[in-house]
């Protein structure tokens, strides 16, 4: 209440409980703070772990550290 931030859920995998979220760069700190403060959802404990951030969606599609060149 008092502020709104548009966030898009681009993908969600229920098996791994992971998602890719899209937010404008100026809203990243606000989103990160909101996720940090959220400890319960629908009377169930929850926690979030940010695995990767990038200003480019293509950079999230793979991990350059696991790249194998033939």
PDB file of N, CA and C in Angstrom:
ATOM      1  N   UNK A   1       0.849  -1.179   0.000  1.00  0.00           N
ATOM      2  CA  UNK A   1       0.000   0.000   0.000  1.00  0.00           C
ATOM      3  C   UNK A   1       0.889   1.234   0.000  1.00  0.00           C
ATOM      4  N   UNK A   2       0.544   2.191  -0.820  1.00  0.00           N
ATOM      5  CA  UNK A   2       1.313   3.425  -0.856  1.00  0.00           C
ATOM      6  C   UNK A   2       2.293   3.493  -2.007  1.00  0.00           C
ATOM      7  N   UNK A   3       2.633   2.362  -2.592  1.00  0.00           N
ATOM      8  CA  UNK A   3       3.552   2.339  -3.722  1.00  0.00           C
ATOM      9  C   UNK A   3       3.253   1.108  -4.561  1.00  0.00           C
ATOM     10  N   UNK A   4       3.507   1.222  -5.826  1.00  0.00           N
ATOM     11  CA  UNK A   4       3.294   0.090  -6.728  1.00  0.00           C
ATOM     12  C   UNK A   4       4.491  -0.016  -7.648  1.00  0.00           C
ATOM     13  N   UNK A   5       4.816  -1.233  -8.006  1.00  0.00           N
ATOM     14  CA  UNK A   5       5.956  -1.481  -8.871  1.00  0.00           C
ATOM     15  C   UNK A   5       5.567  -2.582  -9.851  1.00  0.00           C
ATOM     16  N   UNK A   6       5.536  -2.285 -11.141  1.00  0.00           N
ATOM     17  CA  UNK A   6       5.185  -3.330 -12.100  1.00  0.00           C
ATOM     18  C   UNK A   6       6.302  -4.373 -12.212  1.00  0.00           C
ATOM     19  N   UNK A   7       5.933  -5.631 -12.000  1.00  0.00           N
ATOM     20  CA  UNK A   7       6.862  -6.754 -12.081  1.00  0.00           C
ATOM     21  C   UNK A   7       6.233  -7.806 -12.988  1.00  0.00           C
ATOM     22  N   UNK A   8       6.992  -8.302 -13.939  1.00  0.00           N
ATOM     23  CA  UNK A   8       6.523  -9.352 -14.839  1.00  0.00           C
ATOM     24  C   UNK A   8       7.159 -10.676 -14.436  1.00  0.00           C
ATOM     25  N   UNK A   9       6.350 -11.728 -14.366  1.00  0.00           N
ATOM     26  CA  UNK A   9       6.870 -13.079 -14.158  1.00  0.00           C
ATOM     27  C   UNK A   9       7.003 -13.682 -15.551  1.00  0.00           C
ATOM     28  N   UNK A  10       8.243 -13.796 -16.027  1.00  0.00           N
ATOM     29  CA  UNK A  10       8.481 -14.292 -17.385  1.00  0.00           C
ATOM     30  C   UNK A  10       8.387 -15.803 -17.455  1.00  0.00           C
ATOM     31  N   UNK A  11       8.966 -16.484 -16.480  1.00  0.00           N
ATOM     32  CA  UNK A  11       8.860 -17.945 -16.404  1.00  0.00           C
ATOM     33  C   UNK A  11       8.713 -18.353 -14.955  1.00  0.00           C
ATOM     34  N   UNK A  12       8.060 -19.482 -14.745  1.00  0.00           N
ATOM     35  CA  UNK A  12       7.947 -20.060 -13.408  1.00  0.00           C
ATOM     36  C   UNK A  12       7.966 -21.567 -13.542  1.00  0.00           C
ATOM     37  N   UNK A  13       8.838 -22.214 -12.776  1.00  0.00           N
ATOM     38  CA  UNK A  13       8.914 -23.672 -12.780  1.00  0.00           C
ATOM     39  C   UNK A  13       8.487 -24.176 -11.414  1.00  0.00           C
ATOM     40  N   UNK A  14       7.343 -24.837 -11.376  1.00  0.00           N
ATOM     41  CA  UNK A  14       6.827 -25.317 -10.093  1.00  0.00           C
ATOM     42  C   UNK A  14       7.695 -26.419  -9.507  1.00  0.00           C
ATOM     43  N   UNK A  15       8.311 -27.217 -10.364  1.00  0.00           N
ATOM     44  CA  UNK A  15       9.150 -28.310  -9.885  1.00  0.00           C
ATOM     45  C   UNK A  15      10.326 -27.795  -9.054  1.00  0.00           C
ATOM     46  N   UNK A  16      10.965 -26.742  -9.514  1.00  0.00           N
ATOM     47  CA  UNK A  16      12.128 -26.188  -8.808  1.00  0.00           C
ATOM     48  C   UNK A  16      11.785 -24.943  -7.994  1.00  0.00           C
ATOM     49  N   UNK A  17      10.525 -24.501  -8.085  1.00  0.00           N
ATOM     50  CA  UNK A  17      10.076 -23.280  -7.409  1.00  0.00           C
ATOM     51  C   UNK A  17      10.962 -22.089  -7.772  1.00  0.00           C
ATOM     52  N   UNK A  18      11.288 -21.980  -9.059  1.00  0.00           N
ATOM     53  CA  UNK A  18      12.141 -20.876  -9.512  1.00  0.00           C
ATOM     54  C   UNK A  18      11.396 -20.065 -10.571  1.00  0.00           C
ATOM     55  N   UNK A  19      11.753 -18.806 -10.649  1.00  0.00           N
ATOM     56  CA  UNK A  19      11.089 -17.909 -11.584  1.00  0.00           C
ATOM     57  C   UNK A  19      12.087 -16.896 -12.116  1.00  0.00           C
ATOM     58  N   UNK A  20      11.764 -16.351 -13.269  1.00  0.00           N
ATOM     59  CA  UNK A  20      12.497 -15.217 -13.818  1.00  0.00           C
ATOM     60  C   UNK A  20      11.543 -14.040 -13.776  1.00  0.00           C
ATOM     61  N   UNK A  21      11.954 -12.993 -13.073  1.00  0.00           N
ATOM     62  CA  UNK A  21      11.150 -11.789 -12.937  1.00  0.00           C
ATOM     63  C   UNK A  21      11.784 -10.668 -13.737  1.00  0.00           C
ATOM     64  N   UNK A  22      10.943  -9.800 -14.294  1.00  0.00           N
ATOM     65  CA  UNK A  22      11.435  -8.640 -15.029  1.00  0.00           C
ATOM     66  C   UNK A  22      10.899  -7.382 -14.350  1.00  0.00           C
ATOM     67  N   UNK A  23      11.806  -6.463 -14.081  1.00  0.00           N
ATOM     68  CA  UNK A  23      11.448  -5.201 -13.468  1.00  0.00           C
ATOM     69  C   UNK A  23      12.353  -4.128 -14.065  1.00  0.00           C
ATOM     70  N   UNK A  24      11.878  -2.907 -14.145  1.00  0.00           N
ATOM     71  CA  UNK A  24      12.737  -1.831 -14.646  1.00  0.00           C
ATOM     72  C   UNK A  24      13.910  -1.659 -13.685  1.00  0.00           C
ATOM     73  N   UNK A  25      15.044  -1.250 -14.210  1.00  0.00           N
ATOM     74  CA  UNK A  25      16.260  -1.189 -13.389  1.00  0.00           C
ATOM     75  C   UNK A  25      16.102  -0.288 -12.173  1.00  0.00           C
ATOM     76  N   UNK A  26      15.315   0.759 -12.296  1.00  0.00           N
ATOM     77  CA  UNK A  26      15.125   1.657 -11.153  1.00  0.00           C
ATOM     78  C   UNK A  26      14.305   1.005 -10.039  1.00  0.00           C
ATOM     79  N   UNK A  27      13.639  -0.110 -10.325  1.00  0.00           N
ATOM     80  CA  UNK A  27      12.834  -0.794  -9.316  1.00  0.00           C
ATOM     81  C   UNK A  27      13.501  -2.008  -8.711  1.00  0.00           C
ATOM     82  N   UNK A  28      14.731  -2.322  -9.123  1.00  0.00           N
ATOM     83  CA  UNK A  28      15.398  -3.529  -8.641  1.00  0.00           C
ATOM     84  C   UNK A  28      15.585  -3.526  -7.132  1.00  0.00           C
ATOM     85  N   UNK A  29      16.043  -2.426  -6.582  1.00  0.00           N
ATOM     86  CA  UNK A  29      16.280  -2.366  -5.136  1.00  0.00           C
ATOM     87  C   UNK A  29      14.967  -2.483  -4.377  1.00  0.00           C
ATOM     88  N   UNK A  30      13.919  -1.874  -4.885  1.00  0.00           N
ATOM     89  CA  UNK A  30      12.605  -1.970  -4.226  1.00  0.00           C
ATOM     90  C   UNK A  30      12.086  -3.399  -4.246  1.00  0.00           C
ATOM     91  N   UNK A  31      12.212  -4.075  -5.388  1.00  0.00           N
ATOM     92  CA  UNK A  31      11.764  -5.463  -5.485  1.00  0.00           C
ATOM     93  C   UNK A  31      12.575  -6.352  -4.562  1.00  0.00           C
ATOM     94  N   UNK A  32      13.879  -6.193  -4.572  1.00  0.00           N
ATOM     95  CA  UNK A  32      14.761  -7.000  -3.736  1.00  0.00           C
ATOM     96  C   UNK A  32      14.413  -6.794  -2.258  1.00  0.00           C
ATOM     97  N   UNK A  33      14.164  -5.554  -1.873  1.00  0.00           N
ATOM     98  CA  UNK A  33      13.795  -5.251  -0.487  1.00  0.00           C
ATOM     99  C   UNK A  33      12.460  -5.886  -0.119  1.00  0.00           C
ATOM    100  N   UNK A  34      11.498  -5.808  -1.021  1.00  0.00           N
ATOM    101  CA  UNK A  34      10.185  -6.390  -0.754  1.00  0.00           C
ATOM    102  C   UNK A  34      10.283  -7.905  -0.589  1.00  0.00           C
ATOM    103  N   UNK A  35      11.072  -8.566  -1.426  1.00  0.00           N
ATOM    104  CA  UNK A  35      11.238 -10.014  -1.307  1.00  0.00           C
ATOM    105  C   UNK A  35      11.946 -10.382  -0.012  1.00  0.00           C
ATOM    106  N   UNK A  36      12.895  -9.550   0.403  1.00  0.00           N
ATOM    107  CA  UNK A  36      13.621  -9.801   1.642  1.00  0.00           C
ATOM    108  C   UNK A  36      12.699  -9.694   2.847  1.00  0.00           C
ATOM    109  N   UNK A  37      11.785  -8.745   2.823  1.00  0.00           N
ATOM    110  CA  UNK A  37      10.900  -8.514   3.964  1.00  0.00           C
ATOM    111  C   UNK A  37       9.741  -9.494   4.043  1.00  0.00           C
ATOM    112  N   UNK A  38       9.433 -10.161   2.941  1.00  0.00           N
ATOM    113  CA  UNK A  38       8.313 -11.095   2.925  1.00  0.00           C
ATOM    114  C   UNK A  38       8.729 -12.413   3.565  1.00  0.00           C
ATOM    115  N   UNK A  39       8.161 -12.734   4.707  1.00  0.00           N
ATOM    116  CA  UNK A  39       8.524 -13.973   5.410  1.00  0.00           C
ATOM    117  C   UNK A  39       7.414 -14.999   5.434  1.00  0.00           C
ATOM    118  N   UNK A  40       6.183 -14.554   5.185  1.00  0.00           N
ATOM    119  CA  UNK A  40       5.033 -15.451   5.162  1.00  0.00           C
ATOM    120  C   UNK A  40       4.159 -15.102   3.972  1.00  0.00           C
ATOM    121  N   UNK A  41       3.584 -16.107   3.343  1.00  0.00           N
ATOM    122  CA  UNK A  41       2.605 -15.911   2.279  1.00  0.00           C
ATOM    123  C   UNK A  41       1.508 -16.932   2.474  1.00  0.00           C
ATOM    124  N   UNK A  42       0.279 -16.473   2.622  1.00  0.00           N
ATOM    125  CA  UNK A  42      -0.884 -17.321   2.877  1.00  0.00           C
ATOM    126  C   UNK A  42      -0.621 -18.263   4.057  1.00  0.00           C
ATOM    127  N   UNK A  43      -0.127 -17.686   5.146  1.00  0.00           N
ATOM    128  CA  UNK A  43       0.158 -18.397   6.397  1.00  0.00           C
ATOM    129  C   UNK A  43       1.210 -19.498   6.250  1.00  0.00           C
ATOM    130  N   UNK A  44       2.050 -19.399   5.251  1.00  0.00           N
ATOM    131  CA  UNK A  44       3.153 -20.353   5.071  1.00  0.00           C
ATOM    132  C   UNK A  44       4.453 -19.576   5.002  1.00  0.00           C
ATOM    133  N   UNK A  45       5.488 -20.106   5.654  1.00  0.00           N
ATOM    134  CA  UNK A  45       6.810 -19.467   5.611  1.00  0.00           C
ATOM    135  C   UNK A  45       7.344 -19.494   4.190  1.00  0.00           C
ATOM    136  N   UNK A  46       8.044 -18.446   3.828  1.00  0.00           N
ATOM    137  CA  UNK A  46       8.665 -18.409   2.504  1.00  0.00           C
ATOM    138  C   UNK A  46       9.970 -17.623   2.582  1.00  0.00           C
ATOM    139  N   UNK A  47      10.834 -17.898   1.663  1.00  0.00           N
ATOM    140  CA  UNK A  47      12.111 -17.204   1.548  1.00  0.00           C
ATOM    141  C   UNK A  47      12.482 -17.163   0.072  1.00  0.00           C
ATOM    142  N   UNK A  48      13.228 -16.145  -0.302  1.00  0.00           N
ATOM    143  CA  UNK A  48      13.630 -15.976  -1.694  1.00  0.00           C
ATOM    144  C   UNK A  48      15.144 -15.935  -1.779  1.00  0.00           C
ATOM    145  N   UNK A  49      15.661 -16.521  -2.816  1.00  0.00           N
ATOM    146  CA  UNK A  49      17.097 -16.492  -3.071  1.00  0.00           C
ATOM    147  C   UNK A  49      17.301 -15.968  -4.491  1.00  0.00           C
ATOM    148  N   UNK A  50      18.016 -14.877  -4.600  1.00  0.00           N
ATOM    149  CA  UNK A  50      18.309 -14.303  -5.918  1.00  0.00           C
ATOM    150  C   UNK A  50      19.562 -15.000  -6.439  1.00  0.00           C
ATOM    151  N   UNK A  51      19.416 -15.680  -7.568  1.00  0.00           N
ATOM    152  CA  UNK A  51      20.533 -16.430  -8.136  1.00  0.00           C
ATOM    153  C   UNK A  51      21.338 -15.609  -9.123  1.00  0.00           C
ATOM    154  N   UNK A  52      20.668 -14.690  -9.806  1.00  0.00           N
ATOM    155  CA  UNK A  52      21.357 -13.946 -10.849  1.00  0.00           C
ATOM    156  C   UNK A  52      20.554 -12.701 -11.192  1.00  0.00           C
ATOM    157  N   UNK A  53      21.234 -11.623 -11.512  1.00  0.00           N
ATOM    158  CA  UNK A  53      20.582 -10.422 -12.039  1.00  0.00           C
ATOM    159  C   UNK A  53      21.329  -9.996 -13.295  1.00  0.00           C
ATOM    160  N   UNK A  54      20.600  -9.362 -14.191  1.00  0.00           N
ATOM    161  CA  UNK A  54      21.230  -8.891 -15.416  1.00  0.00           C
ATOM    162  C   UNK A  54      20.345  -7.834 -16.062  1.00  0.00           C
ATOM    163  N   UNK A  55      20.961  -6.846 -16.690  1.00  0.00           N
ATOM    164  CA  UNK A  55      20.157  -5.883 -17.448  1.00  0.00           C
ATOM    165  C   UNK A  55      19.725  -6.445 -18.808  1.00  0.00           C
ATOM    166  N   UNK A  56      20.227  -7.630 -19.163  1.00  0.00           N
ATOM    167  CA  UNK A  56      19.924  -8.245 -20.453  1.00  0.00           C
ATOM    168  C   UNK A  56      19.298  -9.614 -20.242  1.00  0.00           C
ATOM    169  N   UNK A  57      18.111  -9.851 -20.815  1.00  0.00           N
ATOM    170  CA  UNK A  57      17.439 -11.139 -20.647  1.00  0.00           C
ATOM    171  C   UNK A  57      18.249 -12.283 -21.242  1.00  0.00           C
ATOM    172  N   UNK A  58      18.945 -12.032 -22.340  1.00  0.00           N
ATOM    173  CA  UNK A  58      19.728 -13.079 -22.983  1.00  0.00           C
ATOM    174  C   UNK A  58      20.808 -13.619 -22.045  1.00  0.00           C
ATOM    175  N   UNK A  59      21.343 -12.784 -21.195  1.00  0.00           N
ATOM    176  CA  UNK A  59      22.388 -13.207 -20.266  1.00  0.00           C
ATOM    177  C   UNK A  59      21.858 -14.207 -19.247  1.00  0.00           C
ATOM    178  N   UNK A  60      20.563 -14.217 -19.006  1.00  0.00           N
ATOM    179  CA  UNK A  60      19.977 -15.145 -18.036  1.00  0.00           C
ATOM    180  C   UNK A  60      19.705 -16.525 -18.631  1.00  0.00           C
ATOM    181  N   UNK A  61      19.833 -16.657 -19.935  1.00  0.00           N
ATOM    182  CA  UNK A  61      19.491 -17.912 -20.592  1.00  0.00           C
ATOM    183  C   UNK A  61      20.550 -18.993 -20.414  1.00  0.00           C
ATOM    184  N   UNK A  62      21.758 -18.625 -20.050  1.00  0.00           N
ATOM    185  CA  UNK A  62      22.808 -19.617 -19.879  1.00  0.00           C
ATOM    186  C   UNK A  62      23.842 -19.148 -18.882  1.00  0.00           C
ATOM    187  N   UNK A  63      24.690 -20.076 -18.492  1.00  0.00           N
ATOM    188  CA  UNK A  63      25.749 -19.772 -17.541  1.00  0.00           C
ATOM    189  C   UNK A  63      27.082 -19.881 -18.271  1.00  0.00           C
ATOM    190  N   UNK A  64      27.791 -18.785 -18.435  1.00  0.00           N
ATOM    191  CA  UNK A  64      29.040 -18.798 -19.188  1.00  0.00           C
ATOM    192  C   UNK A  64      30.110 -19.642 -18.492  1.00  0.00           C
ATOM    193  N   UNK A  65      29.973 -19.867 -17.195  1.00  0.00           N
ATOM    194  CA  UNK A  65      30.950 -20.691 -16.481  1.00  0.00           C
ATOM    195  C   UNK A  65      30.800 -22.161 -16.791  1.00  0.00           C
ATOM    196  N   UNK A  66      29.649 -22.550 -17.338  1.00  0.00           N
ATOM    197  CA  UNK A  66      29.420 -23.946 -17.695  1.00  0.00           C
ATOM    198  C   UNK A  66      29.514 -24.163 -19.202  1.00  0.00           C
ATOM    199  N   UNK A  67      29.963 -23.153 -19.937  1.00  0.00           N
ATOM    200  CA  UNK A  67      30.041 -23.235 -21.395  1.00  0.00           C
ATOM    201  C   UNK A  67      31.139 -24.206 -21.811  1.00  0.00           C
ATOM    202  N   UNK A  68      30.803 -25.117 -22.701  1.00  0.00           N
ATOM    203  CA  UNK A  68      31.765 -26.086 -23.212  1.00  0.00           C
ATOM    204  C   UNK A  68      31.887 -25.871 -24.710  1.00  0.00           C
ATOM    205  N   UNK A  69      33.085 -25.578 -25.165  1.00  0.00           N
ATOM    206  CA  UNK A  69      33.336 -25.403 -26.596  1.00  0.00           C
ATOM    207  C   UNK A  69      33.949 -26.670 -27.163  1.00  0.00           C
ATOM    208  N   UNK A  70      33.434 -27.126 -28.284  1.00  0.00           N
ATOM    209  CA  UNK A  70      33.956 -28.336 -28.929  1.00  0.00           C
ATOM    210  C   UNK A  70      35.013 -28.011 -29.940  1.00  0.00           C
TER     211      UNK A  70
END
